[in-house]
Amino acid sequence: MNRIKSSDAKSQIRPLIGSWINEVFGSSQALKLAVRSSGTLEDGSDLSCAGQNETFLGILPEDVAEKVVECWASLFTPQSVRYRL
């Protein structure tokens, strides 16, 4: 989990996310976003683990990349791993 958070993933995805946000929403100064996990394994017939991973609300565009990485890292918290076993 710490390895993901301390990786350079934020710097690698920041330009991609920033470009996408700008393309979809423009350069609105009042824009606040939500970052949450959504995966194929979260809501299936065998398992429903929505809400086990981090969700961030009211995130400014410049902070989305950091929160995406934190969301990815939350996949490996003890509670999330135990739930999937």
PDB file of N, CA and C in Angstrom:
ATOM      1  N   MET A   1       0.822  -1.184   0.000  1.00  0.00           N
ATOM      2  CA  MET A   1       0.000   0.000   0.000  1.00  0.00           C
ATOM      3  C   MET A   1       0.871   1.255   0.000  1.00  0.00           C
ATOM      4  N   ASN A   2       1.853   1.314   0.886  1.00  0.00           N
ATOM      5  CA  ASN A   2       2.745   2.473   0.923  1.00  0.00           C
ATOM      6  C   ASN A   2       3.579   2.580  -0.343  1.00  0.00           C
ATOM      7  N   ARG A   3       3.888   1.427  -0.907  1.00  0.00           N
ATOM      8  CA  ARG A   3       4.673   1.422  -2.146  1.00  0.00           C
ATOM      9  C   ARG A   3       3.913   2.109  -3.278  1.00  0.00           C
ATOM     10  N   ILE A   4       2.628   1.885  -3.351  1.00  0.00           N
ATOM     11  CA  ILE A   4       1.795   2.520  -4.376  1.00  0.00           C
ATOM     12  C   ILE A   4       1.737   4.023  -4.123  1.00  0.00           C
ATOM     13  N   LYS A   5       1.490   4.401  -2.873  1.00  0.00           N
ATOM     14  CA  LYS A   5       1.389   5.820  -2.540  1.00  0.00           C
ATOM     15  C   LYS A   5       2.696   6.570  -2.786  1.00  0.00           C
ATOM     16  N   SER A   6       3.827   5.906  -2.557  1.00  0.00           N
ATOM     17  CA  SER A   6       5.114   6.587  -2.718  1.00  0.00           C
ATOM     18  C   SER A   6       5.691   6.453  -4.130  1.00  0.00           C
ATOM     19  N   SER A   7       4.992   5.766  -5.004  1.00  0.00           N
ATOM     20  CA  SER A   7       5.478   5.604  -6.384  1.00  0.00           C
ATOM     21  C   SER A   7       5.355   6.923  -7.145  1.00  0.00           C
ATOM     22  N   ASP A   8       5.862   6.935  -8.365  1.00  0.00           N
ATOM     23  CA  ASP A   8       5.746   8.139  -9.194  1.00  0.00           C
ATOM     24  C   ASP A   8       4.485   8.105 -10.058  1.00  0.00           C
ATOM     25  N   ALA A   9       3.524   7.262  -9.684  1.00  0.00           N
ATOM     26  CA  ALA A   9       2.279   7.155 -10.452  1.00  0.00           C
ATOM     27  C   ALA A   9       1.557   8.496 -10.553  1.00  0.00           C
ATOM     28  N   LYS A  10       1.551   9.261  -9.452  1.00  0.00           N
ATOM     29  CA  LYS A  10       0.863  10.563  -9.477  1.00  0.00           C
ATOM     30  C   LYS A  10       1.403  11.453 -10.584  1.00  0.00           C
ATOM     31  N   SER A  11       2.724  11.527 -10.678  1.00  0.00           N
ATOM     32  CA  SER A  11       3.316  12.401 -11.691  1.00  0.00           C
ATOM     33  C   SER A  11       3.082  11.858 -13.097  1.00  0.00           C
ATOM     34  N   GLN A  12       2.939  10.545 -13.223  1.00  0.00           N
ATOM     35  CA  GLN A  12       2.696   9.965 -14.541  1.00  0.00           C
ATOM     36  C   GLN A  12       1.257  10.157 -15.006  1.00  0.00           C
ATOM     37  N   ILE A  13       0.295  10.073 -14.087  1.00  0.00           N
ATOM     38  CA  ILE A  13      -1.102  10.200 -14.511  1.00  0.00           C
ATOM     39  C   ILE A  13      -1.635  11.629 -14.446  1.00  0.00           C
ATOM     40  N   ARG A  14      -0.960  12.509 -13.712  1.00  0.00           N
ATOM     41  CA  ARG A  14      -1.440  13.883 -13.550  1.00  0.00           C
ATOM     42  C   ARG A  14      -1.714  14.580 -14.893  1.00  0.00           C
ATOM     43  N   PRO A  15      -0.785  14.538 -15.879  1.00  0.00           N
ATOM     44  CA  PRO A  15      -1.082  15.218 -17.145  1.00  0.00           C
ATOM     45  C   PRO A  15      -2.259  14.598 -17.889  1.00  0.00           C
ATOM     46  N   LEU A  16      -2.407  13.289 -17.819  1.00  0.00           N
ATOM     47  CA  LEU A  16      -3.514  12.615 -18.497  1.00  0.00           C
ATOM     48  C   LEU A  16      -4.851  12.991 -17.872  1.00  0.00           C
ATOM     49  N   ILE A  17      -4.902  12.945 -16.557  1.00  0.00           N
ATOM     50  CA  ILE A  17      -6.132  13.291 -15.854  1.00  0.00           C
ATOM     51  C   ILE A  17      -6.465  14.759 -16.050  1.00  0.00           C
ATOM     52  N   GLY A  18      -5.455  15.612 -15.926  1.00  0.00           N
ATOM     53  CA  GLY A  18      -5.670  17.050 -16.112  1.00  0.00           C
ATOM     54  C   GLY A  18      -6.214  17.364 -17.497  1.00  0.00           C
ATOM     55  N   SER A  19      -5.665  16.724 -18.500  1.00  0.00           N
ATOM     56  CA  SER A  19      -6.124  16.930 -19.877  1.00  0.00           C
ATOM     57  C   SER A  19      -7.566  16.469 -20.044  1.00  0.00           C
ATOM     58  N   TRP A  20      -7.879  15.310 -19.483  1.00  0.00           N
ATOM     59  CA  TRP A  20      -9.235  14.777 -19.587  1.00  0.00           C
ATOM     60  C   TRP A  20     -10.237  15.682 -18.875  1.00  0.00           C
ATOM     61  N   ILE A  21      -9.909  16.125 -17.668  1.00  0.00           N
ATOM     62  CA  ILE A  21     -10.802  17.013 -16.917  1.00  0.00           C
ATOM     63  C   ILE A  21     -11.046  18.292 -17.708  1.00  0.00           C
ATOM     64  N   ASN A  22      -9.996  18.843 -18.256  1.00  0.00           N
ATOM     65  CA  ASN A  22     -10.121  20.074 -19.038  1.00  0.00           C
ATOM     66  C   ASN A  22     -10.986  19.858 -20.278  1.00  0.00           C
ATOM     67  N   GLU A  23     -10.812  18.727 -20.924  1.00  0.00           N
ATOM     68  CA  GLU A  23     -11.582  18.422 -22.138  1.00  0.00           C
ATOM     69  C   GLU A  23     -13.066  18.247 -21.818  1.00  0.00           C
ATOM     70  N   VAL A  24     -13.356  17.574 -20.728  1.00  0.00           N
ATOM     71  CA  VAL A  24     -14.747  17.278 -20.376  1.00  0.00           C
ATOM     72  C   VAL A  24     -15.443  18.455 -19.693  1.00  0.00           C
ATOM     73  N   PHE A  25     -14.752  19.120 -18.773  1.00  0.00           N
ATOM     74  CA  PHE A  25     -15.386  20.138 -17.951  1.00  0.00           C
ATOM     75  C   PHE A  25     -14.928  21.561 -18.249  1.00  0.00           C
ATOM     76  N   GLY A  26     -13.892  21.724 -19.052  1.00  0.00           N
ATOM     77  CA  GLY A  26     -13.355  23.057 -19.283  1.00  0.00           C
ATOM     78  C   GLY A  26     -12.536  23.506 -18.084  1.00  0.00           C
ATOM     79  N   SER A  27     -12.330  24.789 -17.988  1.00  0.00           N
ATOM     80  CA  SER A  27     -11.478  25.296 -16.909  1.00  0.00           C
ATOM     81  C   SER A  27     -12.297  26.002 -15.827  1.00  0.00           C
ATOM     82  N   SER A  28     -13.365  25.370 -15.406  1.00  0.00           N
ATOM     83  CA  SER A  28     -14.218  25.927 -14.366  1.00  0.00           C
ATOM     84  C   SER A  28     -13.450  26.066 -13.059  1.00  0.00           C
ATOM     85  N   GLN A  29     -13.515  27.225 -12.454  1.00  0.00           N
ATOM     86  CA  GLN A  29     -12.834  27.462 -11.188  1.00  0.00           C
ATOM     87  C   GLN A  29     -13.565  26.817 -10.014  1.00  0.00           C
ATOM     88  N   ALA A  30     -14.872  26.542 -10.170  1.00  0.00           N
ATOM     89  CA  ALA A  30     -15.676  26.027  -9.068  1.00  0.00           C
ATOM     90  C   ALA A  30     -15.813  24.501  -9.110  1.00  0.00           C
ATOM     91  N   LEU A  31     -15.083  23.854  -9.975  1.00  0.00           N
ATOM     92  CA  LEU A  31     -15.229  22.415 -10.163  1.00  0.00           C
ATOM     93  C   LEU A  31     -14.692  21.622  -8.971  1.00  0.00           C
ATOM     94  N   LYS A  32     -15.513  20.724  -8.457  1.00  0.00           N
ATOM     95  CA  LYS A  32     -15.101  19.784  -7.416  1.00  0.00           C
ATOM     96  C   LYS A  32     -15.574  18.408  -7.859  1.00  0.00           C
ATOM     97  N   LEU A  33     -14.732  17.419  -7.660  1.00  0.00           N
ATOM     98  CA  LEU A  33     -14.985  16.090  -8.190  1.00  0.00           C
ATOM     99  C   LEU A  33     -15.002  15.033  -7.097  1.00  0.00           C
ATOM    100  N   ALA A  34     -15.459  13.842  -7.459  1.00  0.00           N
ATOM    101  CA  ALA A  34     -15.411  12.678  -6.571  1.00  0.00           C
ATOM    102  C   ALA A  34     -14.460  11.663  -7.182  1.00  0.00           C
ATOM    103  N   VAL A  35     -13.691  11.018  -6.341  1.00  0.00           N
ATOM    104  CA  VAL A  35     -12.794   9.945  -6.769  1.00  0.00           C
ATOM    105  C   VAL A  35     -13.162   8.726  -5.935  1.00  0.00           C
ATOM    106  N   ARG A  36     -13.546   7.657  -6.632  1.00  0.00           N
ATOM    107  CA  ARG A  36     -13.925   6.436  -5.926  1.00  0.00           C
ATOM    108  C   ARG A  36     -13.563   5.232  -6.768  1.00  0.00           C
ATOM    109  N   SER A  37     -13.448   4.097  -6.111  1.00  0.00           N
ATOM    110  CA  SER A  37     -13.140   2.876  -6.845  1.00  0.00           C
ATOM    111  C   SER A  37     -14.400   2.376  -7.545  1.00  0.00           C
ATOM    112  N   SER A  38     -14.192   1.736  -8.642  1.00  0.00           N
ATOM    113  CA  SER A  38     -15.288   1.105  -9.364  1.00  0.00           C
ATOM    114  C   SER A  38     -14.673   0.022 -10.232  1.00  0.00           C
ATOM    115  N   GLY A  39     -14.817  -1.197  -9.805  1.00  0.00           N
ATOM    116  CA  GLY A  39     -14.186  -2.284 -10.532  1.00  0.00           C
ATOM    117  C   GLY A  39     -15.159  -3.404 -10.838  1.00  0.00           C
ATOM    118  N   THR A  40     -14.754  -4.260 -11.726  1.00  0.00           N
ATOM    119  CA  THR A  40     -15.611  -5.361 -12.141  1.00  0.00           C
ATOM    120  C   THR A  40     -15.889  -6.340 -11.000  1.00  0.00           C
ATOM    121  N   LEU A  41     -15.009  -6.391 -10.023  1.00  0.00           N
ATOM    122  CA  LEU A  41     -15.203  -7.324  -8.914  1.00  0.00           C
ATOM    123  C   LEU A  41     -16.005  -6.731  -7.757  1.00  0.00           C
ATOM    124  N   GLU A  42     -16.316  -5.448  -7.813  1.00  0.00           N
ATOM    125  CA  GLU A  42     -16.964  -4.815  -6.671  1.00  0.00           C
ATOM    126  C   GLU A  42     -18.421  -5.212  -6.501  1.00  0.00           C
ATOM    127  N   ASP A  43     -19.133  -5.380  -7.566  1.00  0.00           N
ATOM    128  CA  ASP A  43     -20.549  -5.745  -7.481  1.00  0.00           C
ATOM    129  C   ASP A  43     -20.843  -6.857  -8.457  1.00  0.00           C
ATOM    130  N   GLY A  44     -20.645  -8.065  -8.013  1.00  0.00           N
ATOM    131  CA  GLY A  44     -20.907  -9.218  -8.862  1.00  0.00           C
ATOM    132  C   GLY A  44     -21.877 -10.157  -8.190  1.00  0.00           C
ATOM    133  N   SER A  45     -22.155 -11.252  -8.826  1.00  0.00           N
ATOM    134  CA  SER A  45     -23.086 -12.221  -8.258  1.00  0.00           C
ATOM    135  C   SER A  45     -22.480 -12.950  -7.062  1.00  0.00           C
ATOM    136  N   ASP A  46     -21.141 -13.039  -7.019  1.00  0.00           N
ATOM    137  CA  ASP A  46     -20.476 -13.748  -5.924  1.00  0.00           C
ATOM    138  C   ASP A  46     -20.012 -12.841  -4.791  1.00  0.00           C
ATOM    139  N   LEU A  47     -19.869 -11.549  -5.065  1.00  0.00           N
ATOM    140  CA  LEU A  47     -19.257 -10.650  -4.097  1.00  0.00           C
ATOM    141  C   LEU A  47     -19.769  -9.236  -4.304  1.00  0.00           C
ATOM    142  N   SER A  48     -20.033  -8.556  -3.226  1.00  0.00           N
ATOM    143  CA  SER A  48     -20.405  -7.151  -3.303  1.00  0.00           C
ATOM    144  C   SER A  48     -19.524  -6.391  -2.320  1.00  0.00           C
ATOM    145  N   CYS A  49     -18.486  -5.765  -2.839  1.00  0.00           N
ATOM    146  CA  CYS A  49     -17.550  -5.090  -1.938  1.00  0.00           C
ATOM    147  C   CYS A  49     -17.475  -3.587  -2.205  1.00  0.00           C
ATOM    148  N   ALA A  50     -18.527  -3.028  -2.778  1.00  0.00           N
ATOM    149  CA  ALA A  50     -18.565  -1.587  -2.972  1.00  0.00           C
ATOM    150  C   ALA A  50     -18.444  -0.910  -1.614  1.00  0.00           C
ATOM    151  N   GLY A  51     -17.658   0.114  -1.545  1.00  0.00           N
ATOM    152  CA  GLY A  51     -17.476   0.849  -0.308  1.00  0.00           C
ATOM    153  C   GLY A  51     -16.311   0.362   0.544  1.00  0.00           C
ATOM    154  N   GLN A  52     -15.666  -0.710   0.148  1.00  0.00           N
ATOM    155  CA  GLN A  52     -14.523  -1.208   0.917  1.00  0.00           C
ATOM    156  C   GLN A  52     -13.286  -0.346   0.703  1.00  0.00           C
ATOM    157  N   ASN A  53     -13.201   0.279  -0.454  1.00  0.00           N
ATOM    158  CA  ASN A  53     -12.036   1.100  -0.780  1.00  0.00           C
ATOM    159  C   ASN A  53     -12.361   2.577  -0.573  1.00  0.00           C
ATOM    160  N   GLU A  54     -11.338   3.398  -0.606  1.00  0.00           N
ATOM    161  CA  GLU A  54     -11.484   4.826  -0.314  1.00  0.00           C
ATOM    162  C   GLU A  54     -12.376   5.546  -1.323  1.00  0.00           C
ATOM    163  N   THR A  55     -13.093   6.535  -0.839  1.00  0.00           N
ATOM    164  CA  THR A  55     -13.874   7.459  -1.654  1.00  0.00           C
ATOM    165  C   THR A  55     -13.510   8.857  -1.190  1.00  0.00           C
ATOM    166  N   PHE A  56     -13.289   9.748  -2.142  1.00  0.00           N
ATOM    167  CA  PHE A  56     -12.937  11.129  -1.831  1.00  0.00           C
ATOM    168  C   PHE A  56     -13.921  12.055  -2.535  1.00  0.00           C
ATOM    169  N   LEU A  57     -14.520  12.961  -1.793  1.00  0.00           N
ATOM    170  CA  LEU A  57     -15.518  13.881  -2.343  1.00  0.00           C
ATOM    171  C   LEU A  57     -15.016  15.320  -2.250  1.00  0.00           C
ATOM    172  N   GLY A  58     -15.490  16.154  -3.160  1.00  0.00           N
ATOM    173  CA  GLY A  58     -15.141  17.577  -3.135  1.00  0.00           C
ATOM    174  C   GLY A  58     -13.694  17.843  -3.497  1.00  0.00           C
ATOM    175  N   ILE A  59     -13.141  17.048  -4.412  1.00  0.00           N
ATOM    176  CA  ILE A  59     -11.729  17.137  -4.762  1.00  0.00           C
ATOM    177  C   ILE A  59     -11.520  18.158  -5.881  1.00  0.00           C
ATOM    178  N   LEU A  60     -10.557  19.031  -5.687  1.00  0.00           N
ATOM    179  CA  LEU A  60     -10.199  20.002  -6.716  1.00  0.00           C
ATOM    180  C   LEU A  60      -9.474  19.289  -7.851  1.00  0.00           C
ATOM    181  N   PRO A  61      -9.625  19.768  -9.081  1.00  0.00           N
ATOM    182  CA  PRO A  61      -8.994  19.110 -10.231  1.00  0.00           C
ATOM    183  C   PRO A  61      -7.502  18.847 -10.063  1.00  0.00           C
ATOM    184  N   GLU A  62      -6.788  19.770  -9.466  1.00  0.00           N
ATOM    185  CA  GLU A  62      -5.342  19.592  -9.320  1.00  0.00           C
ATOM    186  C   GLU A  62      -4.967  18.502  -8.304  1.00  0.00           C
ATOM    187  N   ASP A  63      -5.933  18.040  -7.509  1.00  0.00           N
ATOM    188  CA  ASP A  63      -5.672  17.009  -6.511  1.00  0.00           C
ATOM    189  C   ASP A  63      -6.192  15.626  -6.904  1.00  0.00           C
ATOM    190  N   VAL A  64      -6.812  15.520  -8.074  1.00  0.00           N
ATOM    191  CA  VAL A  64      -7.428  14.253  -8.479  1.00  0.00           C
ATOM    192  C   VAL A  64      -6.391  13.144  -8.635  1.00  0.00           C
ATOM    193  N   ALA A  65      -5.253  13.411  -9.257  1.00  0.00           N
ATOM    194  CA  ALA A  65      -4.243  12.367  -9.472  1.00  0.00           C
ATOM    195  C   ALA A  65      -3.792  11.762  -8.143  1.00  0.00           C
ATOM    196  N   GLU A  66      -3.568  12.596  -7.144  1.00  0.00           N
ATOM    197  CA  GLU A  66      -3.157  12.099  -5.832  1.00  0.00           C
ATOM    198  C   GLU A  66      -4.234  11.199  -5.230  1.00  0.00           C
ATOM    199  N   LYS A  67      -5.484  11.601  -5.352  1.00  0.00           N
ATOM    200  CA  LYS A  67      -6.577  10.828  -4.767  1.00  0.00           C
ATOM    201  C   LYS A  67      -6.813   9.534  -5.543  1.00  0.00           C
ATOM    202  N   VAL A  68      -6.576   9.526  -6.839  1.00  0.00           N
ATOM    203  CA  VAL A  68      -6.679   8.297  -7.629  1.00  0.00           C
ATOM    204  C   VAL A  68      -5.668   7.277  -7.114  1.00  0.00           C
ATOM    205  N   VAL A  69      -4.452   7.715  -6.884  1.00  0.00           N
ATOM    206  CA  VAL A  69      -3.414   6.811  -6.387  1.00  0.00           C
ATOM    207  C   VAL A  69      -3.775   6.316  -4.981  1.00  0.00           C
ATOM    208  N   GLU A  70      -4.302   7.181  -4.140  1.00  0.00           N
ATOM    209  CA  GLU A  70      -4.726   6.755  -2.805  1.00  0.00           C
ATOM    210  C   GLU A  70      -5.866   5.743  -2.894  1.00  0.00           C
ATOM    211  N   CYS A  71      -6.751   5.936  -3.852  1.00  0.00           N
ATOM    212  CA  CYS A  71      -7.845   4.994  -4.070  1.00  0.00           C
ATOM    213  C   CYS A  71      -7.296   3.640  -4.509  1.00  0.00           C
ATOM    214  N   TRP A  72      -6.335   3.652  -5.436  1.00  0.00           N
ATOM    215  CA  TRP A  72      -5.695   2.402  -5.863  1.00  0.00           C
ATOM    216  C   TRP A  72      -5.046   1.698  -4.674  1.00  0.00           C
ATOM    217  N   ALA A  73      -4.343   2.456  -3.855  1.00  0.00           N
ATOM    218  CA  ALA A  73      -3.651   1.877  -2.702  1.00  0.00           C
ATOM    219  C   ALA A  73      -4.637   1.260  -1.712  1.00  0.00           C
ATOM    220  N   SER A  74      -5.828   1.839  -1.600  1.00  0.00           N
ATOM    221  CA  SER A  74      -6.801   1.333  -0.637  1.00  0.00           C
ATOM    222  C   SER A  74      -7.290  -0.074  -0.989  1.00  0.00           C
ATOM    223  N   LEU A  75      -7.048  -0.503  -2.195  1.00  0.00           N
ATOM    224  CA  LEU A  75      -7.381  -1.872  -2.595  1.00  0.00           C
ATOM    225  C   LEU A  75      -6.612  -2.889  -1.761  1.00  0.00           C
ATOM    226  N   PHE A  76      -5.497  -2.458  -1.162  1.00  0.00           N
ATOM    227  CA  PHE A  76      -4.621  -3.362  -0.419  1.00  0.00           C
ATOM    228  C   PHE A  76      -4.664  -3.140   1.095  1.00  0.00           C
ATOM    229  N   THR A  77      -5.673  -2.418   1.578  1.00  0.00           N
ATOM    230  CA  THR A  77      -5.829  -2.299   3.029  1.00  0.00           C
ATOM    231  C   THR A  77      -6.255  -3.660   3.575  1.00  0.00           C
ATOM    232  N   PRO A  78      -5.959  -3.937   4.842  1.00  0.00           N
ATOM    233  CA  PRO A  78      -6.349  -5.232   5.411  1.00  0.00           C
ATOM    234  C   PRO A  78      -7.846  -5.517   5.261  1.00  0.00           C
ATOM    235  N   GLN A  79      -8.689  -4.510   5.487  1.00  0.00           N
ATOM    236  CA  GLN A  79     -10.144  -4.733   5.392  1.00  0.00           C
ATOM    237  C   GLN A  79     -10.562  -5.106   3.975  1.00  0.00           C
ATOM    238  N   SER A  80      -9.965  -4.451   2.996  1.00  0.00           N
ATOM    239  CA  SER A  80     -10.323  -4.735   1.609  1.00  0.00           C
ATOM    240  C   SER A  80      -9.850  -6.116   1.167  1.00  0.00           C
ATOM    241  N   VAL A  81      -8.630  -6.458   1.554  1.00  0.00           N
ATOM    242  CA  VAL A  81      -8.085  -7.774   1.195  1.00  0.00           C
ATOM    243  C   VAL A  81      -8.899  -8.876   1.865  1.00  0.00           C
ATOM    244  N   ARG A  82      -9.179  -8.726   3.171  1.00  0.00           N
ATOM    245  CA  ARG A  82      -9.956  -9.738   3.896  1.00  0.00           C
ATOM    246  C   ARG A  82     -11.332  -9.949   3.260  1.00  0.00           C
ATOM    247  N   TYR A  83     -11.955  -8.860   2.865  1.00  0.00           N
ATOM    248  CA  TYR A  83     -13.297  -8.950   2.305  1.00  0.00           C
ATOM    249  C   TYR A  83     -13.307  -9.743   1.004  1.00  0.00           C
ATOM    250  N   ARG A  84     -12.244  -9.619   0.224  1.00  0.00           N
ATOM    251  CA  ARG A  84     -12.187 -10.315  -1.069  1.00  0.00           C
ATOM    252  C   ARG A  84     -11.812 -11.782  -0.938  1.00  0.00           C
ATOM    253  N   LEU A  85     -11.323 -12.204   0.233  1.00  0.00           N
ATOM    254  CA  LEU A  85     -10.900 -13.606   0.399  1.00  0.00           C
ATOM    255  C   LEU A  85     -12.066 -14.560   0.530  1.00  0.00           C
TER     256      LEU A  85
END
